PDB file of N, CA and C in Angstrom:
ATOM      1  N   MET A   1     -16.760 -72.439  17.279  1.00  0.00           N
ATOM      2  CA  MET A   1     -15.557 -71.409  16.751  1.00  0.00           C
ATOM      3  C   MET A   1     -15.423 -70.538  17.994  1.00  0.00           C
ATOM      4  N   GLY A   2     -14.173 -69.438  17.983  1.00  0.00           N
ATOM      5  CA  GLY A   2     -14.243 -68.435  18.769  1.00  0.00           C
ATOM      6  C   GLY A   2     -14.254 -66.883  18.380  1.00  0.00           C
ATOM      7  N   LEU A   3     -15.219 -66.570  18.379  1.00  0.00           N
ATOM      8  CA  LEU A   3     -14.821 -64.760  18.322  1.00  0.00           C
ATOM      9  C   LEU A   3     -14.070 -64.305  17.032  1.00  0.00           C
ATOM     10  N   ARG A   4     -14.529 -63.873  16.787  1.00  0.00           N
ATOM     11  CA  ARG A   4     -12.417 -63.128  15.672  1.00  0.00           C
ATOM     12  C   ARG A   4     -13.883 -61.113  16.011  1.00  0.00           C
ATOM     13  N   LYS A   5     -12.163 -61.102  16.465  1.00  0.00           N
ATOM     14  CA  LYS A   5     -11.865 -59.308  16.786  1.00  0.00           C
ATOM     15  C   LYS A   5     -11.214 -58.570  15.964  1.00  0.00           C
ATOM     16  N   LEU A   6     -12.120 -57.212  15.588  1.00  0.00           N
ATOM     17  CA  LEU A   6     -11.334 -56.597  14.377  1.00  0.00           C
ATOM     18  C   LEU A   6     -11.435 -55.488  14.802  1.00  0.00           C
ATOM     19  N   ARG A   7     -10.548 -55.559  13.985  1.00  0.00           N
ATOM     20  CA  ARG A   7      -9.681 -54.035  14.604  1.00  0.00           C
ATOM     21  C   ARG A   7      -9.380 -53.198  13.538  1.00  0.00           C
ATOM     22  N   VAL A   8      -9.828 -51.931  13.890  1.00  0.00           N
ATOM     23  CA  VAL A   8      -9.584 -50.884  12.498  1.00  0.00           C
ATOM     24  C   VAL A   8      -8.211 -49.825  12.306  1.00  0.00           C
ATOM     25  N   TYR A   9      -7.479 -50.616  11.260  1.00  0.00           N
ATOM     26  CA  TYR A   9      -6.039 -49.645  10.977  1.00  0.00           C
ATOM     27  C   TYR A   9      -5.694 -48.517  10.058  1.00  0.00           C
ATOM     28  N   THR A  10      -4.879 -48.276  11.013  1.00  0.00           N
ATOM     29  CA  THR A  10      -5.106 -46.905  10.853  1.00  0.00           C
ATOM     30  C   THR A  10      -3.803 -46.517  11.039  1.00  0.00           C
ATOM     31  N   GLY A  11      -3.444 -47.140   9.538  1.00  0.00           N
ATOM     32  CA  GLY A  11      -1.310 -47.201   9.465  1.00  0.00           C
ATOM     33  C   GLY A  11      -0.483 -47.425  10.264  1.00  0.00           C
ATOM     34  N   PRO A  12       0.547 -47.297  10.007  1.00  0.00           N
ATOM     35  CA  PRO A  12       1.869 -47.708  10.388  1.00  0.00           C
ATOM     36  C   PRO A  12       1.779 -46.846  11.403  1.00  0.00           C
ATOM     37  N   GLU A  13       2.683 -47.457  13.271  1.00  0.00           N
ATOM     38  CA  GLU A  13       2.315 -47.049  14.229  1.00  0.00           C
ATOM     39  C   GLU A  13       3.987 -46.264  13.955  1.00  0.00           C
ATOM     40  N   VAL A  14       3.958 -45.344  14.520  1.00  0.00           N
ATOM     41  CA  VAL A  14       4.885 -44.276  13.827  1.00  0.00           C
ATOM     42  C   VAL A  14       5.983 -43.574  15.170  1.00  0.00           C
ATOM     43  N   GLU A  15       7.373 -43.605  15.748  1.00  0.00           N
ATOM     44  CA  GLU A  15       7.897 -43.480  16.440  1.00  0.00           C
ATOM     45  C   GLU A  15       7.950 -41.689  16.724  1.00  0.00           C
ATOM     46  N   PRO A  16       7.241 -41.204  17.964  1.00  0.00           N
ATOM     47  CA  PRO A  16       7.155 -40.109  18.010  1.00  0.00           C
ATOM     48  C   PRO A  16       8.882 -39.597  17.328  1.00  0.00           C
ATOM     49  N   ALA A  17       9.105 -38.036  17.106  1.00  0.00           N
ATOM     50  CA  ALA A  17      10.457 -37.669  16.682  1.00  0.00           C
ATOM     51  C   ALA A  17      11.145 -37.008  17.875  1.00  0.00           C
ATOM     52  N   SER A  18      12.725 -37.547  18.190  1.00  0.00           N
ATOM     53  CA  SER A  18      12.943 -37.060  19.554  1.00  0.00           C
ATOM     54  C   SER A  18      12.818 -35.476  19.457  1.00  0.00           C
ATOM     55  N   LEU A  19      12.632 -34.357  19.918  1.00  0.00           N
ATOM     56  CA  LEU A  19      12.267 -33.142  20.582  1.00  0.00           C
ATOM     57  C   LEU A  19      13.276 -32.722  20.988  1.00  0.00           C
ATOM     58  N   SER A  20      13.996 -31.175  20.466  1.00  0.00           N
ATOM     59  CA  SER A  20      15.769 -30.968  21.052  1.00  0.00           C
ATOM     60  C   SER A  20      13.979 -29.018  21.452  1.00  0.00           C
ATOM     61  N   LEU A  21      14.813 -28.627  22.975  1.00  0.00           N
ATOM     62  CA  LEU A  21      13.932 -27.400  22.616  1.00  0.00           C
ATOM     63  C   LEU A  21      14.999 -25.936  22.535  1.00  0.00           C
ATOM     64  N   LEU A  22      15.595 -26.285  21.374  1.00  0.00           N
ATOM     65  CA  LEU A  22      16.313 -25.471  21.014  1.00  0.00           C
ATOM     66  C   LEU A  22      15.128 -25.544  19.537  1.00  0.00           C
ATOM     67  N   ASP A  23      14.243 -26.888  19.619  1.00  0.00           N
ATOM     68  CA  ASP A  23      13.321 -26.440  17.740  1.00  0.00           C
ATOM     69  C   ASP A  23      12.399 -25.569  18.692  1.00  0.00           C
ATOM     70  N   GLU A  24      11.549 -24.298  17.592  1.00  0.00           N
ATOM     71  CA  GLU A  24      10.017 -24.255  18.413  1.00  0.00           C
ATOM     72  C   GLU A  24       9.170 -25.457  17.525  1.00  0.00           C
ATOM     73  N   PRO A  25       8.263 -25.126  18.555  1.00  0.00           N
ATOM     74  CA  PRO A  25       6.531 -25.900  18.012  1.00  0.00           C
ATOM     75  C   PRO A  25       6.472 -26.037  15.996  1.00  0.00           C
ATOM     76  N   LEU A  26       6.761 -26.425  14.925  1.00  0.00           N
ATOM     77  CA  LEU A  26       5.805 -26.322  14.148  1.00  0.00           C
ATOM     78  C   LEU A  26       4.667 -25.824  14.138  1.00  0.00           C
ATOM     79  N   ASP A  27       4.052 -24.776  13.044  1.00  0.00           N
ATOM     80  CA  ASP A  27       2.484 -23.683  13.179  1.00  0.00           C
ATOM     81  C   ASP A  27       2.318 -24.133  12.298  1.00  0.00           C
ATOM     82  N   ALA A  28       0.611 -24.329  11.652  1.00  0.00           N
ATOM     83  CA  ALA A  28      -0.062 -25.036  10.359  1.00  0.00           C
ATOM     84  C   ALA A  28       0.229 -23.286  10.308  1.00  0.00           C
ATOM     85  N   ASN A  29       0.012 -22.733  10.823  1.00  0.00           N
ATOM     86  CA  ASN A  29       0.182 -21.079  10.118  1.00  0.00           C
ATOM     87  C   ASN A  29       1.854 -20.072   9.641  1.00  0.00           C
ATOM     88  N   THR A  30       2.894 -21.573   9.276  1.00  0.00           N
ATOM     89  CA  THR A  30       3.378 -20.386   9.259  1.00  0.00           C
ATOM     90  C   THR A  30       4.559 -21.883   7.971  1.00  0.00           C
ATOM     91  N   VAL A  31       4.803 -21.262   7.191  1.00  0.00           N
ATOM     92  CA  VAL A  31       5.923 -21.482   5.939  1.00  0.00           C
ATOM     93  C   VAL A  31       7.974 -21.366   6.538  1.00  0.00           C
ATOM     94  N   LYS A  32       7.970 -22.306   5.781  1.00  0.00           N
ATOM     95  CA  LYS A  32       9.690 -21.807   6.433  1.00  0.00           C
ATOM     96  C   LYS A  32      10.234 -21.473   4.504  1.00  0.00           C
ATOM     97  N   VAL A  33      10.564 -20.083   3.982  1.00  0.00           N
ATOM     98  CA  VAL A  33      11.399 -19.881   3.175  1.00  0.00           C
ATOM     99  C   VAL A  33      12.213 -18.771   2.906  1.00  0.00           C
ATOM    100  N   SER A  34      13.607 -19.336   1.175  1.00  0.00           N
ATOM    101  CA  SER A  34      14.107 -18.605   1.815  1.00  0.00           C
ATOM    102  C   SER A  34      14.351 -17.235   0.758  1.00  0.00           C
ATOM    103  N   LEU A  35      14.992 -15.924   1.948  1.00  0.00           N
ATOM    104  CA  LEU A  35      14.875 -14.362   1.194  1.00  0.00           C
ATOM    105  C   LEU A  35      14.817 -14.381  -0.056  1.00  0.00           C
ATOM    106  N   GLY A  36      15.053 -15.030  -0.252  1.00  0.00           N
ATOM    107  CA  GLY A  36      15.307 -15.071  -2.299  1.00  0.00           C
ATOM    108  C   GLY A  36      14.620 -15.440  -2.489  1.00  0.00           C
ATOM    109  N   GLU A  37      13.697 -16.470  -2.284  1.00  0.00           N
ATOM    110  CA  GLU A  37      13.372 -16.806  -2.589  1.00  0.00           C
ATOM    111  C   GLU A  37      11.208 -15.563  -2.185  1.00  0.00           C
ATOM    112  N   ILE A  38      11.717 -14.531  -1.352  1.00  0.00           N
ATOM    113  CA  ILE A  38      10.123 -13.722  -1.693  1.00  0.00           C
ATOM    114  C   ILE A  38      10.855 -12.343  -1.888  1.00  0.00           C
ATOM    115  N   LEU A  39      12.734 -11.933  -1.561  1.00  0.00           N
ATOM    116  CA  LEU A  39      12.758 -10.709  -2.061  1.00  0.00           C
ATOM    117  C   LEU A  39      12.298 -10.391  -3.050  1.00  0.00           C
ATOM    118  N   PRO A  40      13.087 -10.858  -5.178  1.00  0.00           N
ATOM    119  CA  PRO A  40      12.104 -10.740  -5.058  1.00  0.00           C
ATOM    120  C   PRO A  40      10.554  -9.718  -5.809  1.00  0.00           C
ATOM    121  N   MET A  41       9.319 -10.992  -5.382  1.00  0.00           N
ATOM    122  CA  MET A  41       8.404 -10.164  -5.050  1.00  0.00           C
ATOM    123  C   MET A  41       7.725  -9.164  -3.725  1.00  0.00           C
ATOM    124  N   LEU A  42       9.166  -9.402  -2.737  1.00  0.00           N
ATOM    125  CA  LEU A  42       8.213  -8.010  -1.747  1.00  0.00           C
ATOM    126  C   LEU A  42       8.577  -7.217  -2.828  1.00  0.00           C
ATOM    127  N   ALA A  43      10.102  -6.768  -2.755  1.00  0.00           N
ATOM    128  CA  ALA A  43      10.722  -5.732  -3.762  1.00  0.00           C
ATOM    129  C   ALA A  43       9.808  -4.944  -4.827  1.00  0.00           C
ATOM    130  N   ASP A  44       8.828  -5.769  -5.427  1.00  0.00           N
ATOM    131  CA  ASP A  44       8.167  -5.443  -6.455  1.00  0.00           C
ATOM    132  C   ASP A  44       7.136  -5.301  -6.514  1.00  0.00           C
ATOM    133  N   ALA A  45       7.278  -5.242  -4.623  1.00  0.00           N
ATOM    134  CA  ALA A  45       4.545  -4.766  -4.495  1.00  0.00           C
ATOM    135  C   ALA A  45       5.515  -3.499  -3.870  1.00  0.00           C
ATOM    136  N   VAL A  46       6.833  -3.369  -2.863  1.00  0.00           N
ATOM    137  CA  VAL A  46       6.763  -1.814  -2.934  1.00  0.00           C
ATOM    138  C   VAL A  46       7.487  -0.577  -3.670  1.00  0.00           C
ATOM    139  N   ALA A  47       8.011  -1.529  -4.653  1.00  0.00           N
ATOM    140  CA  ALA A  47       8.244  -0.143  -6.189  1.00  0.00           C
ATOM    141  C   ALA A  47       7.314   0.142  -6.501  1.00  0.00           C
ATOM    142  N   SER A  48       5.961  -1.134  -6.898  1.00  0.00           N
ATOM    143  CA  SER A  48       5.390  -0.587  -7.417  1.00  0.00           C
ATOM    144  C   SER A  48       3.538  -0.028  -6.940  1.00  0.00           C
ATOM    145  N   ASN A  49       3.394  -0.158  -4.601  1.00  0.00           N
ATOM    146  CA  ASN A  49       2.999   0.364  -3.963  1.00  0.00           C
ATOM    147  C   ASN A  49       1.607  -0.341  -4.115  1.00  0.00           C
ATOM    148  N   ARG A  50       1.964  -1.834  -3.757  1.00  0.00           N
ATOM    149  CA  ARG A  50       0.532  -2.489  -3.706  1.00  0.00           C
ATOM    150  C   ARG A  50       0.212  -2.617  -1.838  1.00  0.00           C
ATOM    151  N   THR A  51      -1.415  -2.503  -2.670  1.00  0.00           N
ATOM    152  CA  THR A  51      -1.740  -2.251  -0.756  1.00  0.00           C
ATOM    153  C   THR A  51      -1.467  -3.062  -0.082  1.00  0.00           C
ATOM    154  N   TRP A  52      -1.663  -5.033  -0.549  1.00  0.00           N
ATOM    155  CA  TRP A  52      -1.481  -5.332  -0.119  1.00  0.00           C
ATOM    156  C   TRP A  52      -0.823  -5.735   0.975  1.00  0.00           C
ATOM    157  N   LEU A  53       0.387  -4.958   1.378  1.00  0.00           N
ATOM    158  CA  LEU A  53       2.049  -4.796   1.702  1.00  0.00           C
ATOM    159  C   LEU A  53       0.910  -4.077   3.494  1.00  0.00           C
ATOM    160  N   THR A  54      -0.045  -4.039   3.216  1.00  0.00           N
ATOM    161  CA  THR A  54      -0.282  -3.004   5.042  1.00  0.00           C
ATOM    162  C   THR A  54      -0.768  -3.552   5.854  1.00  0.00           C
ATOM    163  N   ASP A  55      -1.291  -4.828   4.481  1.00  0.00           N
ATOM    164  CA  ASP A  55      -1.954  -6.017   6.027  1.00  0.00           C
ATOM    165  C   ASP A  55      -1.404  -6.959   6.447  1.00  0.00           C
ATOM    166  N   PHE A  56       0.085  -6.837   6.240  1.00  0.00           N
ATOM    167  CA  PHE A  56       0.616  -7.848   6.428  1.00  0.00           C
ATOM    168  C   PHE A  56       2.279  -6.757   7.531  1.00  0.00           C
ATOM    169  N   GLU A  57       2.130  -5.827   7.269  1.00  0.00           N
ATOM    170  CA  GLU A  57       2.585  -3.898   8.562  1.00  0.00           C
ATOM    171  C   GLU A  57       4.078  -4.924   8.992  1.00  0.00           C
ATOM    172  N   ASP A  58       2.582  -5.620  10.449  1.00  0.00           N
ATOM    173  CA  ASP A  58       2.463  -5.452  12.082  1.00  0.00           C
ATOM    174  C   ASP A  58       2.983  -6.936  11.695  1.00  0.00           C
ATOM    175  N   ASP A  59       3.392  -7.567  11.263  1.00  0.00           N
ATOM    176  CA  ASP A  59       3.526  -9.357  11.027  1.00  0.00           C
ATOM    177  C   ASP A  59       5.002  -9.709  11.663  1.00  0.00           C
ATOM    178  N   GLU A  60       5.525 -10.412  12.727  1.00  0.00           N
ATOM    179  CA  GLU A  60       6.955 -10.380  12.429  1.00  0.00           C
ATOM    180  C   GLU A  60       7.516 -11.849  11.761  1.00  0.00           C
ATOM    181  N   VAL A  61       8.742 -11.125  11.480  1.00  0.00           N
ATOM    182  CA  VAL A  61      10.091 -12.248  10.844  1.00  0.00           C
ATOM    183  C   VAL A  61      11.133 -12.505  11.711  1.00  0.00           C
ATOM    184  N   THR A  62      11.270 -13.861  12.126  1.00  0.00           N
ATOM    185  CA  THR A  62      12.499 -14.234  12.245  1.00  0.00           C
ATOM    186  C   THR A  62      13.781 -13.854  11.497  1.00  0.00           C
ATOM    187  N   ILE A  63      14.783 -13.454  11.635  1.00  0.00           N
ATOM    188  CA  ILE A  63      15.856 -13.153  10.367  1.00  0.00           C
ATOM    189  C   ILE A  63      16.758 -14.160  11.282  1.00  0.00           C
ATOM    190  N   SER A  64      18.224 -14.123  11.009  1.00  0.00           N
ATOM    191  CA  SER A  64      19.030 -14.579  11.431  1.00  0.00           C
ATOM    192  C   SER A  64      19.827 -13.142  11.797  1.00  0.00           C
ATOM    193  N   SER A  65      20.792 -13.070  13.598  1.00  0.00           N
ATOM    194  CA  SER A  65      20.947 -12.441  13.625  1.00  0.00           C
ATOM    195  C   SER A  65      22.269 -11.824  13.106  1.00  0.00           C
ATOM    196  N   ASP A  66      23.091 -11.889  11.673  1.00  0.00           N
ATOM    197  CA  ASP A  66      24.434 -11.444  10.771  1.00  0.00           C
ATOM    198  C   ASP A  66      22.865 -11.064   9.938  1.00  0.00           C
ATOM    199  N   LEU A  67      22.157 -11.149   9.297  1.00  0.00           N
ATOM    200  CA  LEU A  67      21.714 -10.528   8.441  1.00  0.00           C
ATOM    201  C   LEU A  67      20.403  -8.669   9.476  1.00  0.00           C
ATOM    202  N   HIS A  68      20.761  -9.115  10.347  1.00  0.00           N
ATOM    203  CA  HIS A  68      19.632  -8.293  11.078  1.00  0.00           C
ATOM    204  C   HIS A  68      20.772  -7.657  10.944  1.00  0.00           C
ATOM    205  N   ASP A  69      22.725  -7.667  11.534  1.00  0.00           N
ATOM    206  CA  ASP A  69      23.896  -6.130  11.801  1.00  0.00           C
ATOM    207  C   ASP A  69      24.024  -6.394  10.726  1.00  0.00           C
ATOM    208  N   VAL A  70      24.164  -6.513   9.813  1.00  0.00           N
ATOM    209  CA  VAL A  70      24.090  -6.152   7.949  1.00  0.00           C
ATOM    210  C   VAL A  70      23.119  -5.050   8.141  1.00  0.00           C
ATOM    211  N   LEU A  71      22.137  -5.766   8.288  1.00  0.00           N
ATOM    212  CA  LEU A  71      20.641  -4.273   8.154  1.00  0.00           C
ATOM    213  C   LEU A  71      20.558  -2.458   7.914  1.00  0.00           C
ATOM    214  N   GLN A  72      21.158  -3.653   9.923  1.00  0.00           N
ATOM    215  CA  GLN A  72      21.066  -2.178  10.644  1.00  0.00           C
ATOM    216  C   GLN A  72      22.792  -1.336  10.821  1.00  0.00           C
ATOM    217  N   ALA A  73      22.896  -1.775  10.083  1.00  0.00           N
ATOM    218  CA  ALA A  73      24.182  -0.649   9.949  1.00  0.00           C
ATOM    219  C   ALA A  73      24.252  -0.216   8.326  1.00  0.00           C
ATOM    220  N   TYR A  74      22.851  -1.484   8.098  1.00  0.00           N
ATOM    221  CA  TYR A  74      22.725  -0.361   5.918  1.00  0.00           C
ATOM    222  C   TYR A  74      22.140   1.019   6.751  1.00  0.00           C
ATOM    223  N   ARG A  75      21.346   0.495   7.781  1.00  0.00           N
ATOM    224  CA  ARG A  75      20.445   1.771   8.147  1.00  0.00           C
ATOM    225  C   ARG A  75      20.994   3.506   8.742  1.00  0.00           C
ATOM    226  N   HIS A  76      22.278   2.921   9.477  1.00  0.00           N
ATOM    227  CA  HIS A  76      22.171   3.351  10.091  1.00  0.00           C
ATOM    228  C   HIS A  76      23.670   4.433   8.948  1.00  0.00           C
ATOM    229  N   PHE A  77      24.373   3.961   8.040  1.00  0.00           N
ATOM    230  CA  PHE A  77      25.057   4.467   6.734  1.00  0.00           C
ATOM    231  C   PHE A  77      24.533   5.252   5.538  1.00  0.00           C
ATOM    232  N   ARG A  78      23.128   4.976   5.293  1.00  0.00           N
ATOM    233  CA  ARG A  78      21.804   4.588   4.595  1.00  0.00           C
ATOM    234  C   ARG A  78      21.718   6.521   5.189  1.00  0.00           C
ATOM    235  N   ARG A  79      21.197   6.999   6.256  1.00  0.00           N
ATOM    236  CA  ARG A  79      20.972   8.502   6.273  1.00  0.00           C
ATOM    237  C   ARG A  79      21.763   9.304   5.803  1.00  0.00           C
ATOM    238  N   PRO A  80      20.667  10.364   5.416  1.00  0.00           N
ATOM    239  CA  PRO A  80      21.694  11.610   5.295  1.00  0.00           C
ATOM    240  C   PRO A  80      21.746  12.458   5.716  1.00  0.00           C
ATOM    241  N   GLY A  81      23.092  12.555   5.432  1.00  0.00           N
ATOM    242  CA  GLY A  81      24.905  13.176   5.967  1.00  0.00           C
ATOM    243  C   GLY A  81      25.122  12.002   6.586  1.00  0.00           C
ATOM    244  N   ALA A  82      25.435  10.894   6.827  1.00  0.00           N
ATOM    245  CA  ALA A  82      26.415   9.890   7.280  1.00  0.00           C
ATOM    246  C   ALA A  82      27.579   9.507   6.354  1.00  0.00           C
TER     247      ALA A  82
END
């Protein structure tokens, strides 16, 4: 009678997905959400002067270039005397 070798099953073997150099690596500390999902909450927090906002004021966010252009134009035309 031959010896049986036991193996530990760790689940199905998954082929690694193809990587794109344009994609940023996923970070366990980040979540992708739409602006529409968070904007009402942020607007309410600003209007209510919530102090927890200062905890995140130095955090960076990634926005599309067209939204950045719109925000820059808004800032320019919102200035007093413009």
